[in-house]
Amino acid sequence: MHDKVRAVYYCRVSTDDENQATSIVNQKQESIKIIRENRWEFIDEYIDEGKSGTTTKNRNEYNRLFKDMETDKFDIIVIKSQDRLMRNTKEWYFFIDKLVQNNKKLYFYLERKFYSPDDALITGIKAILAEDYSRSLSRNINNAHRKRQETGNNIVITSKTWGYNKVNKQVVVDESEAKMVCFIYEMAAQNHGSRTIAKMLEDKGYHNRNGGKIAEQTVRKIIRNPLYKGTVVMNKLHKNFETKRTERNSEDKWIFHENIVPAIVSDELWKKANELMNQRSLSFVTEDFKEKIIGCKRNLYPLSGKIVCGLCGAQYWRRTANLTNKKEHYWSCQEYIARGRKTKNKRKPIGAKEEKYTIKESGCDNIHIKEGDLENIIYQTAQHIYKRTQGNIASEAINIMKQVLKDNEDMIGQENILKKQDEKIKESREKLLDKYLDGKISDDIYQMKDEKFKKEQEKINIKLKEVQKKKEGFLNKTERFKKLEREIEEISDRDLSIANMEEHIEKIIVYPQYLLIQFDIFNDLKIEVIRKSYKCIEYNICL
């Protein structure tokens, strides 16, 4: 037993301005005065500055107080009024439940009274009114924010905005950066893509704020931003009271102010650059009723996304070289296409000056692969694998079928056991919830036990997914061997062999000295790269 009644106090203000700073000082002084007048023993203070009362998230001191209520640290909590504690009805009831369960007292010093269970109804109404007040306040703030933006005053530009600065609350052009912005629009109006423009900017010596490369995304954002033709778009965001998040408004709520800031480019140049960008991303329906986006080559070819550079990790892209008499298709590293070679000139003559052959931070020196050479590699690989496999495919398939049947039975047994365990835990959680709703167990015990059941359920679900994945893997392997038998029959047809083998290829890793082909059901295969001359390369399967 303690000789003296132990007390703590909680104070909160919602903003950090000077008026609120005075308020927090007053709350502290008044709380300490009340504790002294009642001859209570002061134990601790809990103060949240610049924190909203509509949520307990990020209110570190409130959450510390909430946790300390479970301990024997104090007997009384002193607060100014109910709305200082919170403006959220649900959280208020959680707090009161915790208060009663742990035999603590709550003292409102403005009303000079303790909270009593008899006050449950009135305090609940106050919590609802406080929450409604905050909701109304949030709505009024959003409306006031929109009204201010309708006038076009207080234009906000961030540190990420290129070409402009803010001087004495006025937006002015940054002449040094404006040259770069003009260059971007001029190149876009000549139908250059953002990747090409980013490469041009790097070659001209332009850098981002951190001294690195200007990203393609930055180029696209600059082209799309109407700010550079003098138009400011406002009211794009609002604060959602319910979710407590800043969310994007629909475009019909945006507010446009034309010619409100100095334009860096003309309206005609802005429109032309954006029209050409739109054309590069237009979608249309093909003859077989499939939607295609112009300029998007994702998964356009069987090996798209499967060829990877072993030097820099970038993907290889298919491109076309327009020669005198014909077109030649190549696969080249994406980093090379975007940035060029890392070494300025790979073919260094004897006695040449070193500065011409220095290494850059970006780019890639890996080899290019002719599409015809790649098809030959895949065809030779198909011949090598199918002929080697043909002799024992039947016996291997039978063995795998036997193993699959056995493993499948085991998997089904494990799956059923795990499903039963999952159902049992679900029933236990439902019973626990019923006890909680009937008031047979406290909130803390419910939360603790439910969390324990939840973790057990998550572990079972992880195991269940692993079992189901293994089961699918066995069945898929059986189907693939059946398909492999059909593929062997098509070995004499070059195009069919290449098409079949491309389906089995999961990844081709390209190095200057060799290619590593990784398959789904076959072993990895190494292809040696033999350079006869700068333009002539031969490939040899390493057995």
Protein backbone atom coordinates (compact mmCIF):
# COMPACT_ATOMS: atom_id res chain seq x y z
CA MET A 1 0.00 0.00 0.00
CA HIS A 2 1.11 3.54 -0.76
CA ASP A 3 0.72 6.27 1.84
CA LYS A 4 0.04 8.94 -0.76
CA VAL A 5 -2.20 8.95 -3.81
CA ARG A 6 0.08 9.00 -6.87
CA ALA A 7 -0.85 11.21 -9.82
CA VAL A 8 0.32 11.88 -13.37
CA TYR A 9 -0.98 14.36 -15.91
CA TYR A 10 -1.49 14.35 -19.67
CA CYS A 11 -1.37 17.45 -21.92
CA ARG A 12 -1.86 17.79 -25.67
CA VAL A 13 -1.95 20.51 -28.31
CA SER A 14 -2.63 19.88 -31.99
CA THR A 15 -0.14 22.33 -33.57
CA ASP A 16 3.33 23.74 -32.88
CA ASP A 17 2.50 27.46 -33.28
CA GLU A 18 3.16 30.04 -30.56
CA ASN A 19 -0.43 30.18 -29.27
CA GLN A 20 -0.47 26.43 -28.79
CA ALA A 21 2.94 26.58 -27.09
CA THR A 22 1.39 28.94 -24.50
CA SER A 23 -1.53 26.54 -24.12
CA ILE A 24 0.72 23.59 -23.32
CA VAL A 25 2.56 25.62 -20.68
CA ASN A 26 -0.77 26.61 -19.10
CA GLN A 27 -1.98 22.99 -19.09
CA LYS A 28 1.21 21.87 -17.34
CA GLN A 29 1.02 24.62 -14.70
CA GLU A 30 -2.67 24.03 -14.01
CA SER A 31 -2.19 20.25 -13.76
CA ILE A 32 0.68 20.62 -11.28
CA LYS A 33 -1.37 23.12 -9.26
CA ILE A 34 -4.28 20.66 -9.01
CA ILE A 35 -1.95 17.85 -7.89
CA ARG A 36 -0.44 20.07 -5.18
CA GLU A 37 -3.81 21.37 -3.97
CA ASN A 38 -5.06 17.80 -3.49
CA ARG A 39 -1.77 16.74 -1.81
CA TRP A 40 -1.24 13.99 -4.38
CA GLU A 41 2.25 12.70 -5.10
CA PHE A 42 3.45 13.81 -8.56
CA ILE A 43 4.90 10.83 -10.48
CA ASP A 44 5.23 11.68 -14.19
CA GLU A 45 4.04 13.86 -17.06
CA TYR A 46 2.85 12.84 -20.55
CA ILE A 47 2.93 15.61 -23.15
CA ASP A 48 2.10 15.41 -26.88
CA GLU A 49 2.86 18.59 -28.82
CA GLY A 50 1.64 19.13 -32.37
CA LYS A 51 -0.48 15.93 -32.29
CA SER A 52 -4.07 15.56 -33.48
CA GLY A 53 -6.61 14.14 -31.04
CA THR A 54 -8.51 12.34 -33.81
CA THR A 55 -6.12 9.38 -33.74
CA THR A 56 -3.70 7.74 -31.30
CA LYS A 57 -1.21 6.99 -34.06
CA ASN A 58 2.14 8.80 -33.60
CA ARG A 59 1.02 10.10 -30.19
CA ASN A 60 4.00 8.60 -28.39
CA GLU A 61 3.23 10.03 -24.95
CA TYR A 62 -0.43 9.00 -25.05
CA ASN A 63 0.58 5.47 -26.05
CA ARG A 64 3.14 5.41 -23.22
CA LEU A 65 0.40 6.49 -20.78
CA PHE A 66 -1.97 3.83 -22.17
CA LYS A 67 0.68 1.16 -21.57
CA ASP A 68 1.62 2.48 -18.10
CA MET A 69 -2.02 2.12 -17.04
CA GLU A 70 -1.39 -1.63 -16.82
CA THR A 71 1.33 -1.07 -14.19
CA ASP A 72 1.28 0.05 -10.56
CA LYS A 73 3.01 3.32 -11.41
CA PHE A 74 0.17 5.74 -10.50
CA ASP A 75 -3.42 5.97 -9.24
CA ILE A 76 -4.83 9.12 -10.92
CA ILE A 77 -4.55 10.70 -14.36
CA VAL A 78 -5.12 14.47 -14.45
CA ILE A 79 -6.30 16.09 -17.70
CA LYS A 80 -7.76 19.45 -18.59
CA SER A 81 -10.82 18.11 -20.42
CA GLN A 82 -11.99 15.12 -22.39
CA ASP A 83 -11.09 16.60 -25.79
CA ARG A 84 -7.44 17.06 -24.66
CA LEU A 85 -7.25 13.30 -24.28
CA MET A 86 -8.82 12.55 -27.68
CA ARG A 87 -11.48 13.42 -30.25
CA ASN A 88 -12.20 9.86 -31.33
CA THR A 89 -15.24 7.99 -29.96
CA LYS A 90 -13.90 4.46 -30.42
CA GLU A 91 -10.54 5.30 -28.83
CA TRP A 92 -12.30 7.01 -25.92
CA TYR A 93 -14.16 3.80 -25.05
CA PHE A 94 -10.94 1.79 -25.35
CA PHE A 95 -9.30 4.21 -22.91
CA ILE A 96 -12.16 4.07 -20.39
CA ASP A 97 -12.21 0.26 -20.57
CA LYS A 98 -8.48 0.18 -19.80
CA LEU A 99 -8.98 2.72 -16.99
CA VAL A 100 -11.70 0.67 -15.28
CA GLN A 101 -9.95 -2.69 -15.78
CA ASN A 102 -6.79 -1.41 -14.07
CA ASN A 103 -8.61 0.44 -11.26
CA LYS A 104 -7.27 3.90 -12.21
CA LYS A 105 -9.03 7.25 -11.83
CA LEU A 106 -9.40 10.10 -14.32
CA TYR A 107 -9.65 13.69 -13.06
CA PHE A 108 -10.95 16.59 -15.23
CA TYR A 109 -9.50 19.73 -13.61
CA LEU A 110 -11.71 22.18 -15.53
CA GLU A 111 -14.83 20.49 -14.10
CA ARG A 112 -13.10 19.69 -10.78
CA LYS A 113 -14.45 16.13 -10.83
CA PHE A 114 -13.45 12.48 -11.34
CA TYR A 115 -14.82 10.33 -14.13
CA SER A 116 -17.53 7.99 -12.87
CA PRO A 117 -19.24 5.01 -14.58
CA ASP A 118 -22.41 7.09 -14.21
CA ASP A 119 -20.80 9.55 -16.66
CA ALA A 120 -20.45 6.89 -19.38
CA LEU A 121 -23.41 8.19 -21.37
CA ILE A 122 -22.54 11.88 -21.18
CA THR A 123 -18.84 11.33 -21.85
CA GLY A 124 -19.75 9.10 -24.79
CA ILE A 125 -21.90 11.90 -26.20
CA LYS A 126 -19.05 14.36 -25.64
CA ALA A 127 -16.67 12.02 -27.49
CA ILE A 128 -19.11 11.85 -30.42
CA LEU A 129 -19.48 15.64 -30.43
CA ALA A 130 -15.69 16.14 -30.22
CA GLU A 131 -15.16 13.75 -33.13
CA ASP A 132 -17.89 15.46 -35.15
CA TYR A 133 -16.31 18.83 -34.36
CA SER A 134 -12.95 17.57 -35.66
CA ARG A 135 -14.61 16.17 -38.77
CA SER A 136 -16.36 19.50 -39.39
CA LEU A 137 -13.09 21.36 -38.72
CA SER A 138 -11.28 19.13 -41.24
CA ARG A 139 -13.99 19.81 -43.80
CA ASN A 140 -13.76 23.57 -43.19
CA ILE A 141 -9.95 23.48 -43.48
CA ASN A 142 -10.21 21.64 -46.80
CA ASN A 143 -12.81 24.16 -48.03
CA ALA A 144 -10.67 27.10 -46.90
CA HIS A 145 -7.66 25.51 -48.58
CA ARG A 146 -9.64 25.17 -51.83
CA LYS A 147 -10.93 28.77 -51.59
CA ARG A 148 -7.35 30.06 -51.18
CA GLN A 149 -6.28 28.07 -54.21
CA GLU A 150 -9.18 29.45 -56.27
CA THR A 151 -7.66 32.91 -55.82
CA GLY A 152 -4.29 31.68 -57.13
CA ASN A 153 -2.38 33.09 -54.16
CA ASN A 154 0.44 31.34 -52.31
CA ILE A 155 1.78 29.22 -55.17
CA VAL A 156 3.75 26.30 -53.80
CA ILE A 157 6.83 24.98 -55.59
CA THR A 158 8.98 22.26 -54.06
CA SER A 159 12.73 21.75 -54.08
CA LYS A 160 12.15 19.17 -56.85
CA THR A 161 10.74 21.79 -59.23
CA TRP A 162 13.19 22.52 -62.04
CA GLY A 163 13.51 25.96 -63.63
CA TYR A 164 11.91 28.05 -60.89
CA ASN A 165 12.73 29.59 -57.49
CA LYS A 166 10.63 31.43 -54.96
CA VAL A 167 11.87 34.91 -54.00
CA ASN A 168 9.85 37.10 -51.58
CA LYS A 169 6.81 34.81 -52.07
CA GLN A 170 7.03 35.31 -55.85
CA VAL A 171 7.82 32.53 -58.33
CA VAL A 172 10.72 33.55 -60.58
CA VAL A 173 12.59 31.76 -63.37
CA ASP A 174 15.94 30.14 -62.58
CA GLU A 175 17.76 31.03 -65.80
CA SER A 176 20.44 28.32 -65.52
CA GLU A 177 17.89 25.52 -65.10
CA ALA A 178 15.46 27.09 -67.58
CA LYS A 179 17.97 26.39 -70.39
CA MET A 180 17.83 22.69 -69.55
CA VAL A 181 14.01 22.74 -69.47
CA CYS A 182 13.89 24.45 -72.90
CA PHE A 183 16.30 21.85 -74.29
CA ILE A 184 14.06 19.02 -73.02
CA TYR A 185 10.97 20.48 -74.73
CA GLU A 186 12.84 21.19 -77.96
CA MET A 187 14.10 17.59 -78.14
CA ALA A 188 10.64 16.23 -77.25
CA ALA A 189 9.14 18.36 -80.03
CA GLN A 190 11.59 16.66 -82.41
CA ASN A 191 10.02 13.32 -81.35
CA HIS A 192 12.89 12.14 -79.13
CA GLY A 193 11.84 9.87 -76.25
CA SER A 194 12.58 10.54 -72.58
CA ARG A 195 15.36 7.92 -72.51
CA THR A 196 17.14 9.56 -75.44
CA ILE A 197 16.70 13.03 -73.94
CA ALA A 198 18.12 11.83 -70.58
CA LYS A 199 21.18 10.51 -72.44
CA MET A 200 21.54 13.87 -74.26
CA LEU A 201 21.37 15.75 -70.95
CA GLU A 202 24.12 13.54 -69.53
CA ASP A 203 26.29 14.18 -72.59
CA LYS A 204 25.73 17.94 -72.20
CA GLY A 205 26.87 17.77 -68.55
CA TYR A 206 23.53 18.28 -66.77
CA HIS A 207 23.12 16.57 -63.39
CA ASN A 208 20.35 16.12 -60.83
CA ARG A 209 20.32 17.74 -57.39
CA ASN A 210 22.63 15.01 -56.03
CA GLY A 211 25.13 15.25 -58.88
CA GLY A 212 23.90 12.05 -60.56
CA LYS A 213 22.17 11.29 -63.85
CA ILE A 214 18.86 12.99 -64.61
CA ALA A 215 16.32 10.16 -64.68
CA GLU A 216 13.99 9.44 -67.58
CA GLN A 217 11.07 9.83 -65.17
CA THR A 218 12.21 13.39 -64.36
CA VAL A 219 12.26 14.22 -68.08
CA ARG A 220 8.72 12.85 -68.50
CA LYS A 221 7.43 14.82 -65.49
CA ILE A 222 8.92 18.06 -66.84
CA ILE A 223 7.30 17.50 -70.26
CA ARG A 224 3.91 16.74 -68.70
CA ASN A 225 3.93 19.67 -66.23
CA PRO A 226 1.88 22.68 -67.50
CA LEU A 227 3.80 24.90 -65.06
CA TYR A 228 6.43 25.47 -67.76
CA LYS A 229 3.90 27.17 -70.06
CA GLY A 230 2.79 29.40 -67.14
CA THR A 231 -0.20 27.33 -65.92
CA VAL A 232 -0.39 26.34 -62.24
CA VAL A 233 -2.59 23.41 -61.23
CA MET A 234 -3.96 23.59 -57.67
CA ASN A 235 -6.27 21.58 -55.40
CA LYS A 236 -4.80 18.25 -56.51
CA LEU A 237 -4.70 16.92 -52.93
CA HIS A 238 -6.88 16.92 -49.82
CA LYS A 239 -6.71 15.52 -46.28
CA ASN A 240 -9.15 12.63 -45.67
CA PHE A 241 -10.44 12.83 -42.09
CA GLU A 242 -11.52 9.18 -41.93
CA THR A 243 -8.28 7.63 -43.24
CA LYS A 244 -6.03 10.40 -41.81
CA ARG A 245 -4.18 10.42 -45.16
CA THR A 246 -3.47 13.00 -47.85
CA GLU A 247 -5.29 11.78 -50.96
CA ARG A 248 -5.44 12.85 -54.60
CA ASN A 249 -8.54 14.69 -55.84
CA SER A 250 -10.20 13.64 -59.07
CA GLU A 251 -9.19 15.79 -62.07
CA ASP A 252 -12.59 17.50 -62.25
CA LYS A 253 -11.77 19.15 -58.87
CA TRP A 254 -8.38 20.50 -59.99
CA ILE A 255 -8.08 24.29 -60.28
CA PHE A 256 -6.14 25.70 -63.25
CA HIS A 257 -4.59 29.19 -63.24
CA GLU A 258 -3.21 30.16 -66.63
CA ASN A 259 -0.36 32.68 -67.10
CA ILE A 260 0.04 33.03 -63.34
CA VAL A 261 3.82 32.36 -63.36
CA PRO A 262 6.45 33.32 -65.96
CA ALA A 263 6.42 30.75 -68.80
CA ILE A 264 9.68 29.02 -69.74
CA VAL A 265 8.33 27.53 -73.00
CA SER A 266 5.58 28.66 -75.35
CA ASP A 267 2.13 27.09 -75.30
CA GLU A 268 2.72 25.76 -78.85
CA LEU A 269 5.99 24.04 -77.92
CA TRP A 270 4.41 22.52 -74.79
CA LYS A 271 1.47 21.14 -76.77
CA LYS A 272 3.68 19.70 -79.52
CA ALA A 273 5.98 17.93 -77.03
CA ASN A 274 2.99 16.43 -75.21
CA GLU A 275 1.15 15.43 -78.39
CA LEU A 276 4.19 13.48 -79.60
CA MET A 277 4.55 11.83 -76.19
CA ASN A 278 0.84 10.87 -76.34
CA GLN A 279 1.32 9.32 -79.79
CA ARG A 280 4.12 7.13 -78.48
CA SER A 281 1.76 5.70 -75.86
CA LEU A 282 -1.44 5.37 -77.93
CA SER A 283 -3.25 2.06 -77.72
CA PHE A 284 -4.99 0.33 -80.61
CA VAL A 285 -6.70 -3.02 -81.27
CA THR A 286 -4.87 -5.50 -83.49
CA GLU A 287 -6.47 -7.81 -86.07
CA ASP A 288 -6.76 -10.60 -83.50
CA PHE A 289 -8.60 -8.17 -81.15
CA LYS A 290 -5.68 -7.69 -78.75
CA GLU A 291 -4.91 -4.24 -77.30
CA LYS A 292 -1.41 -3.00 -78.04
CA ILE A 293 0.35 0.15 -76.83
CA ILE A 294 2.63 1.88 -79.32
CA GLY A 295 6.15 2.09 -77.97
CA CYS A 296 5.60 -0.71 -75.46
CA LYS A 297 7.69 -3.81 -76.31
CA ARG A 298 7.12 -5.76 -73.13
CA ASN A 299 6.83 -9.50 -73.90
CA LEU A 300 6.65 -8.75 -77.64
CA TYR A 301 9.12 -11.56 -78.42
CA PRO A 302 9.45 -15.06 -76.87
CA LEU A 303 12.77 -14.15 -75.21
CA SER A 304 11.73 -10.67 -74.03
CA GLY A 305 12.66 -10.27 -70.39
CA LYS A 306 14.63 -13.53 -70.35
CA ILE A 307 18.01 -12.23 -71.59
CA VAL A 308 20.00 -10.52 -68.81
CA CYS A 309 23.38 -8.77 -68.82
CA GLY A 310 25.91 -10.55 -66.61
CA LEU A 311 27.96 -7.34 -66.17
CA CYS A 312 25.36 -4.81 -65.00
CA GLY A 313 22.21 -6.89 -64.45
CA ALA A 314 20.09 -4.95 -66.98
CA GLN A 315 17.81 -6.71 -69.46
CA TYR A 316 18.73 -7.17 -73.11
CA TRP A 317 16.43 -5.44 -75.60
CA ARG A 318 15.81 -6.31 -79.24
CA ARG A 319 16.68 -3.54 -81.70
CA THR A 320 16.97 -3.12 -85.46
CA ALA A 321 19.99 -1.90 -87.45
CA ASN A 322 19.14 -0.51 -90.90
CA LEU A 323 21.94 -1.76 -93.16
CA THR A 324 22.38 -0.93 -96.87
CA ASN A 325 20.55 -3.93 -98.30
CA LYS A 326 18.66 -5.35 -95.34
CA LYS A 327 17.63 -4.93 -91.73
CA GLU A 328 19.62 -6.72 -89.02
CA HIS A 329 18.11 -7.53 -85.62
CA TYR A 330 20.30 -7.48 -82.50
CA TRP A 331 19.88 -8.05 -78.79
CA SER A 332 21.78 -5.42 -76.75
CA CYS A 333 22.09 -4.49 -73.10
CA GLN A 334 19.48 -1.92 -72.00
CA GLU A 335 22.16 0.10 -70.19
CA TYR A 336 24.22 0.29 -73.39
CA ILE A 337 21.18 1.43 -75.41
CA ALA A 338 20.38 4.14 -72.85
CA ARG A 339 23.93 5.28 -71.93
CA GLY A 340 26.36 3.92 -74.48
CA ARG A 341 29.58 2.09 -73.65
CA LYS A 342 31.08 2.39 -70.20
CA THR A 343 34.53 2.56 -71.78
CA LYS A 344 34.49 5.36 -74.34
CA ASN A 345 36.26 3.30 -77.00
CA LYS A 346 36.85 -0.42 -76.60
CA ARG A 347 39.08 -0.70 -79.68
CA LYS A 348 42.12 1.20 -78.48
CA PRO A 349 44.95 1.42 -81.07
CA ILE A 350 48.50 0.90 -79.85
CA GLY A 351 49.98 4.19 -78.59
CA ALA A 352 46.62 6.02 -78.48
CA LYS A 353 46.02 8.66 -75.80
CA GLU A 354 44.49 7.31 -72.57
CA GLU A 355 41.91 10.09 -72.04
CA LYS A 356 39.86 8.81 -74.99
CA TYR A 357 39.49 5.39 -73.37
CA THR A 358 38.51 6.30 -69.82
CA ILE A 359 35.70 4.49 -68.01
CA LYS A 360 32.39 6.29 -67.28
CA GLU A 361 30.10 5.71 -64.30
CA SER A 362 27.24 4.55 -66.55
CA GLY A 363 26.86 2.48 -69.69
CA CYS A 364 27.82 -1.13 -70.44
CA ASP A 365 30.62 -2.85 -72.41
CA ASN A 366 28.91 -6.22 -72.88
CA ILE A 367 28.59 -7.92 -76.28
CA HIS A 368 25.66 -7.62 -78.71
CA ILE A 369 24.04 -10.81 -80.03
CA LYS A 370 22.67 -11.09 -83.55
CA GLU A 371 19.17 -12.54 -83.57
CA GLY A 372 20.22 -15.05 -86.24
CA ASP A 373 23.12 -16.22 -84.07
CA LEU A 374 20.79 -16.52 -81.08
CA GLU A 375 18.37 -18.69 -83.09
CA ASN A 376 21.28 -20.94 -84.17
CA ILE A 377 22.38 -21.27 -80.53
CA ILE A 378 18.86 -22.24 -79.46
CA TYR A 379 18.47 -24.73 -82.36
CA GLN A 380 21.85 -26.37 -81.59
CA THR A 381 20.88 -26.47 -77.92
CA ALA A 382 17.59 -28.18 -78.84
CA GLN A 383 19.44 -30.76 -80.96
CA HIS A 384 21.93 -31.37 -78.14
CA ILE A 385 19.29 -31.71 -75.39
CA TYR A 386 16.61 -33.63 -77.29
CA LYS A 387 19.02 -36.15 -78.81
CA ARG A 388 20.65 -36.73 -75.43
CA THR A 389 17.24 -37.05 -73.80
CA GLN A 390 15.57 -39.19 -76.47
CA GLY A 391 17.11 -42.48 -75.35
CA ASN A 392 15.99 -42.35 -71.74
CA ILE A 393 12.94 -40.06 -71.81
CA ALA A 394 10.46 -42.94 -71.55
CA SER A 395 12.08 -44.63 -68.52
CA GLU A 396 12.71 -41.28 -66.81
CA ALA A 397 9.10 -40.23 -67.34
CA ILE A 398 7.84 -43.53 -65.84
CA ASN A 399 10.07 -43.08 -62.77
CA ILE A 400 8.89 -39.52 -62.32
CA MET A 401 5.25 -40.59 -62.69
CA LYS A 402 5.72 -43.17 -59.91
CA GLN A 403 7.41 -40.62 -57.67
CA VAL A 404 4.69 -38.05 -58.39
CA LEU A 405 1.90 -40.47 -57.46
CA LYS A 406 3.63 -41.34 -54.18
CA ASP A 407 4.53 -37.75 -53.31
CA ASN A 408 1.07 -36.55 -54.35
CA GLU A 409 -0.55 -38.93 -51.83
CA ASP A 410 1.80 -37.64 -49.11
CA MET A 411 1.03 -34.04 -50.04
CA ILE A 412 -2.73 -34.64 -49.96
CA GLY A 413 -2.37 -36.17 -46.47
CA GLN A 414 -0.33 -33.19 -45.21
CA GLU A 415 -2.75 -30.76 -46.84
CA ASN A 416 -5.77 -32.34 -45.10
CA ILE A 417 -4.03 -32.28 -41.68
CA LEU A 418 -3.14 -28.60 -42.07
CA LYS A 419 -6.66 -27.70 -43.22
CA LYS A 420 -8.14 -29.41 -40.14
CA GLN A 421 -5.70 -27.50 -37.87
CA ASP A 422 -6.71 -24.25 -39.57
CA GLU A 423 -10.42 -24.97 -39.05
CA LYS A 424 -9.81 -25.81 -35.39
CA ILE A 425 -8.06 -22.47 -34.78
CA LYS A 426 -10.87 -20.61 -36.58
CA GLU A 427 -13.39 -22.22 -34.21
CA SER A 428 -11.23 -21.28 -31.20
CA ARG A 429 -11.05 -17.65 -32.35
CA GLU A 430 -14.82 -17.52 -32.80
CA LYS A 431 -15.38 -18.91 -29.28
CA LEU A 432 -12.88 -16.39 -27.89
CA LEU A 433 -14.74 -13.55 -29.64
CA ASP A 434 -18.06 -14.73 -28.19
CA LYS A 435 -16.57 -14.69 -24.66
CA TYR A 436 -15.21 -11.18 -25.23
CA LEU A 437 -18.55 -9.84 -26.53
CA ASP A 438 -20.35 -11.44 -23.55
CA GLY A 439 -17.95 -9.62 -21.19
CA LYS A 440 -16.48 -12.83 -19.80
CA ILE A 441 -12.90 -11.82 -20.61
CA SER A 442 -11.14 -8.45 -20.65
CA ASP A 443 -9.91 -6.60 -23.70
CA ASP A 444 -6.27 -7.34 -22.85
CA ILE A 445 -6.80 -11.10 -22.50
CA TYR A 446 -8.83 -11.17 -25.72
CA GLN A 447 -6.14 -9.26 -27.65
CA MET A 448 -3.34 -11.45 -26.25
CA LYS A 449 -5.03 -14.80 -26.98
CA ASP A 450 -6.41 -13.74 -30.35
CA GLU A 451 -2.94 -12.59 -31.42
CA LYS A 452 -1.54 -15.98 -30.37
CA PHE A 453 -4.20 -17.83 -32.43
CA LYS A 454 -3.58 -15.49 -35.35
CA LYS A 455 0.16 -16.24 -35.39
CA GLU A 456 -0.51 -19.99 -35.26
CA GLN A 457 -2.95 -19.62 -38.15
CA GLU A 458 -0.40 -17.67 -40.19
CA LYS A 459 2.22 -20.43 -39.65
CA ILE A 460 -0.26 -23.09 -40.78
CA ASN A 461 -1.21 -21.07 -43.88
CA ILE A 462 2.46 -20.69 -44.81
CA LYS A 463 2.98 -24.47 -44.49
CA LEU A 464 -0.24 -25.10 -46.46
CA LYS A 465 0.95 -22.89 -49.32
CA GLU A 466 4.32 -24.68 -49.36
CA VAL A 467 2.61 -28.08 -49.56
CA GLN A 468 0.26 -26.91 -52.33
CA LYS A 469 3.19 -25.42 -54.24
CA LYS A 470 5.14 -28.69 -54.04
CA LYS A 471 2.05 -30.59 -55.14
CA GLU A 472 1.62 -28.32 -58.16
CA GLY A 473 5.34 -28.68 -58.94
CA PHE A 474 5.09 -32.47 -59.13
CA LEU A 475 2.04 -32.34 -61.37
CA ASN A 476 3.63 -29.69 -63.60
CA LYS A 477 6.76 -31.80 -63.96
CA THR A 478 4.68 -34.78 -65.14
CA GLU A 479 2.91 -32.62 -67.72
CA ARG A 480 6.23 -31.23 -68.93
CA PHE A 481 7.67 -34.68 -69.53
CA LYS A 482 4.58 -35.64 -71.52
CA LYS A 483 5.09 -32.48 -73.56
CA LEU A 484 8.79 -33.30 -73.96
CA GLU A 485 7.89 -36.57 -75.69
CA ARG A 486 5.93 -34.59 -78.28
CA GLU A 487 8.77 -32.09 -78.67
CA ILE A 488 11.26 -34.87 -79.50
CA GLU A 489 9.05 -35.88 -82.41
CA GLU A 490 9.36 -32.33 -83.77
CA ILE A 491 13.18 -32.19 -83.55
CA SER A 492 13.64 -32.27 -87.33
CA ASP A 493 11.64 -29.06 -87.77
CA ARG A 494 13.96 -26.10 -87.04
CA ASP A 495 11.24 -23.55 -86.25
CA LEU A 496 9.33 -25.94 -83.97
CA SER A 497 12.55 -26.93 -82.16
CA ILE A 498 13.42 -23.28 -81.54
CA ALA A 499 9.86 -22.44 -80.38
CA ASN A 500 9.78 -25.45 -78.01
CA MET A 501 13.20 -24.69 -76.57
CA GLU A 502 12.34 -20.99 -76.01
CA GLU A 503 9.47 -22.09 -73.77
CA HIS A 504 11.89 -24.09 -71.60
CA ILE A 505 14.39 -21.22 -71.27
CA GLU A 506 13.97 -19.30 -68.02
CA LYS A 507 16.97 -16.99 -68.35
CA ILE A 508 19.99 -16.34 -70.59
CA ILE A 509 22.80 -14.56 -68.72
CA VAL A 510 25.21 -12.87 -71.14
CA TYR A 511 28.91 -12.41 -70.36
CA PRO A 512 31.60 -11.28 -72.82
CA GLN A 513 33.22 -14.76 -72.74
CA TYR A 514 30.14 -17.02 -72.51
CA LEU A 515 26.35 -17.32 -72.26
CA LEU A 516 24.70 -19.25 -69.41
CA ILE A 517 21.30 -20.68 -70.38
CA GLN A 518 19.05 -21.67 -67.47
CA PHE A 519 16.11 -24.03 -68.12
CA ASP A 520 13.03 -25.17 -66.24
CA ILE A 521 13.54 -28.97 -66.39
CA PHE A 522 16.98 -29.29 -68.01
CA ASN A 523 20.40 -28.62 -66.51
CA ASP A 524 22.05 -25.24 -67.13
CA LEU A 525 24.06 -25.03 -70.34
CA LYS A 526 27.16 -22.94 -71.01
CA ILE A 527 27.77 -21.48 -74.49
CA GLU A 528 31.33 -20.31 -75.17
CA VAL A 529 31.77 -17.00 -76.99
CA ILE A 530 34.62 -17.07 -79.52
CA ARG A 531 35.50 -13.65 -80.94
CA LYS A 532 37.04 -14.01 -84.41
CA SER A 533 37.08 -10.26 -85.02
CA TYR A 534 35.32 -7.19 -83.70
CA LYS A 535 32.18 -7.95 -85.74
CA CYS A 536 32.49 -11.72 -86.12
CA ILE A 537 31.54 -13.88 -83.13
CA GLU A 538 31.09 -17.65 -82.98
CA TYR A 539 29.39 -19.70 -80.30
CA ASN A 540 30.23 -23.20 -79.07
CA ILE A 541 28.21 -25.45 -76.72
CA CYS A 542 30.32 -26.56 -73.75
CA LEU A 543 29.54 -30.25 -73.21
